[in-house]
Each structure stands twice: as C-alpha cells, then as structure tokens.
C-alpha cells in the first residue's frame, strides 16, 4: 500500500542554538564510517578544521577515504592495530588502542579542530580498554566549538546519553553474508 504524500509541513519548534554537537553512528549495518566522513566532508567545505582518528584500522590498510581526506586538509591518524582476531599480542593491541585514545583526547581538548571523528571507538570502549567515564569527561569538557562523531557497533549507554544525534545503521542484507568479499571503492 502506498503512503500519501504529506500536505502539511512538520510542526515547527523554535530552534535552540548549541555551539557544537556529538553524533554517534552505531549498529550492525554498513555505513557508519561512511556517514561520518560525509559529514566531515561537509565540515571541510564550510572551512572547518577536521581530524579523523581510527581506533581499529591499521596503517597497513590503504583506504580510499584517507587519500582524498588528506588531499582536502583533513588530519588523518590511523593508530589502530587491525582486527583483534588477527592479533598475535592482545596486550599490544590494547596498548595501541590506548595510544589512539590519548591522541583523541589531545585532539578534542586542544580546540584546534572543529570536528573530531572517533572512528570505531565503540570497540575498545565495549571491551573496557578505554574507560567510558574518560570518554564522557572528554566529550562534556570539550571546547564549545568542537563537534565529535563517534562510530562503531554496540555504542554503550554512556556514549549514547551524551550524544545529540544517534543513528543506528541496521543490516538488512550484506554481501559478506553471501560470501562476497570486500571491494575496493565500496568497503574500503
């Protein structure tokens, strides 16, 4: 059954101005990082200084987004150690994630960036490697003009509670489930 198009505008609310926002892209569907980087692209087009910190992807990955992001002035820090199931030293993998967290804290508190993307931060958060109270403190004490986008599956309630916008990507079907591998230009 088709739905009728709306004939009345949505009920308007008086807009409230806030100096910055916190966005969370979570869920089991594809597109969390892609959506964050689309917003980062919009921010750069508006003259903002943007930083992306990757918590899980390693510098061995040559993702297409990094090349274009750097070419338009986005600071890109790939600090992750890769997939945990490939780790030969989980203590080292955890230490690398903590180093990414220290870099993220510095990027947020410095006030140098109008947008900081914390790509795949939910994983080390959910594993207890990064204390959620530290993340909440970094977000709530950030300089007024610093916007934050956090990505990854299973965003915890602490992160969701401090976010202004939370989007859950839901997988209806993914090529990987049919045995189709990742494709350059689509997944990376």
Foldseek 3Di string as FASTA:
>chain_A
DDDDDDPDDPDDDDDDDAQAFEEEEAADAPDQVVVVVVVVVVCLVVVWAEEEQEQADAPVDDAPSVVVCVVSHHHYHDQADHDPVPDPDVVVRLVSSVVSVVVQLCVQAVPRGLEYEYEANQVCPVVVSDPLVVVLCSLVPGPRRHYYYYYYYDRDPSSVVRGPYYHYHYDPDDVVVVVDDDDRVPRD
